[in-house]
Amino acid sequence: MSESVKSIERNLIDAGCDRDFIEKFINLINAHNTAEMLNMLAIQRKTLLDGIHADERKIYCLDYLVNKLKK
């Protein structure tokens, strides 16, 4: 495995991608399928962002209760 592929793999691990995602992504690198790689990254990004937004809504609920209790 080349250094650049190892670097990409490390980046995907750091981004929270699972082993299956990483293996598919590396296969796409070897197949030079940039369009599908970009699609996979966009889907993963949306998944992470959806999780952030869900947690944000939970925080807003807690903040609402804190403010209610303080009044």
C-alpha atoms as a PDB file:
ATOM      1  CA  MET A   1       0.000   0.000   0.000  1.00  0.00           C
ATOM      2  CA  SER A   2       1.444   3.353  -1.031  1.00  0.00           C
ATOM      3  CA  GLU A   3       2.098   6.134   1.450  1.00  0.00           C
ATOM      4  CA  SER A   4      -0.670   8.275  -0.046  1.00  0.00           C
ATOM      5  CA  VAL A   5      -3.211   5.461   0.339  1.00  0.00           C
ATOM      6  CA  LYS A   6      -2.028   4.921   3.932  1.00  0.00           C
ATOM      7  CA  SER A   7      -2.483   8.633   4.551  1.00  0.00           C
ATOM      8  CA  ILE A   8      -5.999   8.538   3.113  1.00  0.00           C
ATOM      9  CA  GLU A   9      -6.807   5.479   5.219  1.00  0.00           C
ATOM     10  CA  ARG A  10      -5.585   7.270   8.365  1.00  0.00           C
ATOM     11  CA  ASN A  11      -7.691  10.297   7.473  1.00  0.00           C
ATOM     12  CA  LEU A  12     -10.792   8.129   7.000  1.00  0.00           C
ATOM     13  CA  ILE A  13     -10.184   6.433  10.356  1.00  0.00           C
ATOM     14  CA  ASP A  14      -9.793   9.846  12.004  1.00  0.00           C
ATOM     15  CA  ALA A  15     -13.071  10.904  10.349  1.00  0.00           C
ATOM     16  CA  GLY A  16     -14.856   7.990  12.013  1.00  0.00           C
ATOM     17  CA  CYS A  17     -15.314   5.798   8.951  1.00  0.00           C
ATOM     18  CA  ASP A  18     -15.719   2.087   9.606  1.00  0.00           C
ATOM     19  CA  ARG A  19     -13.535  -0.660   8.133  1.00  0.00           C
ATOM     20  CA  ASP A  20     -16.103  -1.554   5.440  1.00  0.00           C
ATOM     21  CA  PHE A  21     -16.257   2.071   4.248  1.00  0.00           C
ATOM     22  CA  ILE A  22     -12.468   2.291   4.151  1.00  0.00           C
ATOM     23  CA  GLU A  23     -12.084  -0.937   2.177  1.00  0.00           C
ATOM     24  CA  LYS A  24     -14.662   0.189  -0.387  1.00  0.00           C
ATOM     25  CA  PHE A  25     -12.991   3.582  -0.630  1.00  0.00           C
ATOM     26  CA  ILE A  26      -9.536   2.062  -1.201  1.00  0.00           C
ATOM     27  CA  ASN A  27     -10.992  -0.196  -3.895  1.00  0.00           C
ATOM     28  CA  LEU A  28     -12.384   2.919  -5.576  1.00  0.00           C
ATOM     29  CA  ILE A  29      -8.957   4.571  -5.370  1.00  0.00           C
ATOM     30  CA  ASN A  30      -7.468   1.573  -7.154  1.00  0.00           C
ATOM     31  CA  ALA A  31     -10.259   1.733  -9.757  1.00  0.00           C
ATOM     32  CA  HIS A  32      -9.707   5.503 -10.191  1.00  0.00           C
ATOM     33  CA  ASN A  33     -13.420   6.091  -9.548  1.00  0.00           C
ATOM     34  CA  THR A  34     -13.261   9.647  -8.256  1.00  0.00           C
ATOM     35  CA  ALA A  35     -16.979  10.296  -8.733  1.00  0.00           C
ATOM     36  CA  GLU A  36     -17.973   7.425  -6.457  1.00  0.00           C
ATOM     37  CA  MET A  37     -15.313   8.396  -3.888  1.00  0.00           C
ATOM     38  CA  LEU A  38     -16.749  11.915  -3.762  1.00  0.00           C
ATOM     39  CA  ASN A  39     -20.246  10.454  -3.400  1.00  0.00           C
ATOM     40  CA  MET A  40     -19.167   8.250  -0.487  1.00  0.00           C
ATOM     41  CA  LEU A  41     -17.505  11.199   1.245  1.00  0.00           C
ATOM     42  CA  ALA A  42     -20.580  13.383   0.760  1.00  0.00           C
ATOM     43  CA  ILE A  43     -22.822  10.702   2.266  1.00  0.00           C
ATOM     44  CA  GLN A  44     -20.461  10.214   5.221  1.00  0.00           C
ATOM     45  CA  ARG A  45     -20.282  13.982   5.773  1.00  0.00           C
ATOM     46  CA  LYS A  46     -24.078  14.244   5.746  1.00  0.00           C
ATOM     47  CA  THR A  47     -24.352  11.367   8.221  1.00  0.00           C
ATOM     48  CA  LEU A  48     -21.938  13.073  10.609  1.00  0.00           C
ATOM     49  CA  LEU A  49     -23.667  16.429  10.204  1.00  0.00           C
ATOM     50  CA  ASP A  50     -27.082  14.856  10.861  1.00  0.00           C
ATOM     51  CA  GLY A  51     -25.677  13.436  14.092  1.00  0.00           C
ATOM     52  CA  ILE A  52     -24.396  16.852  15.123  1.00  0.00           C
ATOM     53  CA  HIS A  53     -27.786  18.417  14.431  1.00  0.00           C
ATOM     54  CA  ALA A  54     -29.566  15.720  16.446  1.00  0.00           C
ATOM     55  CA  ASP A  55     -27.228  16.360  19.385  1.00  0.00           C
ATOM     56  CA  GLU A  56     -27.755  20.101  18.968  1.00  0.00           C
ATOM     57  CA  ARG A  57     -31.521  19.635  19.317  1.00  0.00           C
ATOM     58  CA  LYS A  58     -30.955  17.655  22.517  1.00  0.00           C
ATOM     59  CA  ILE A  59     -28.789  20.456  23.897  1.00  0.00           C
ATOM     60  CA  TYR A  60     -31.501  23.009  23.061  1.00  0.00           C
ATOM     61  CA  CYS A  61     -34.009  20.900  24.996  1.00  0.00           C
ATOM     62  CA  LEU A  62     -31.716  20.804  28.024  1.00  0.00           C
ATOM     63  CA  ASP A  63     -31.050  24.543  27.769  1.00  0.00           C
ATOM     64  CA  TYR A  64     -34.794  25.165  27.661  1.00  0.00           C
ATOM     65  CA  LEU A  65     -35.290  23.189  30.871  1.00  0.00           C
ATOM     66  CA  VAL A  66     -32.370  24.932  32.576  1.00  0.00           C
ATOM     67  CA  ASN A  67     -33.818  28.335  31.661  1.00  0.00           C
ATOM     68  CA  LYS A  68     -37.292  27.295  32.835  1.00  0.00           C
ATOM     69  CA  LEU A  69     -35.907  26.175  36.182  1.00  0.00           C
ATOM     70  CA  LYS A  70     -33.932  29.385  36.658  1.00  0.00           C
ATOM     71  CA  LYS A  71     -37.015  31.585  36.166  1.00  0.00           C
END
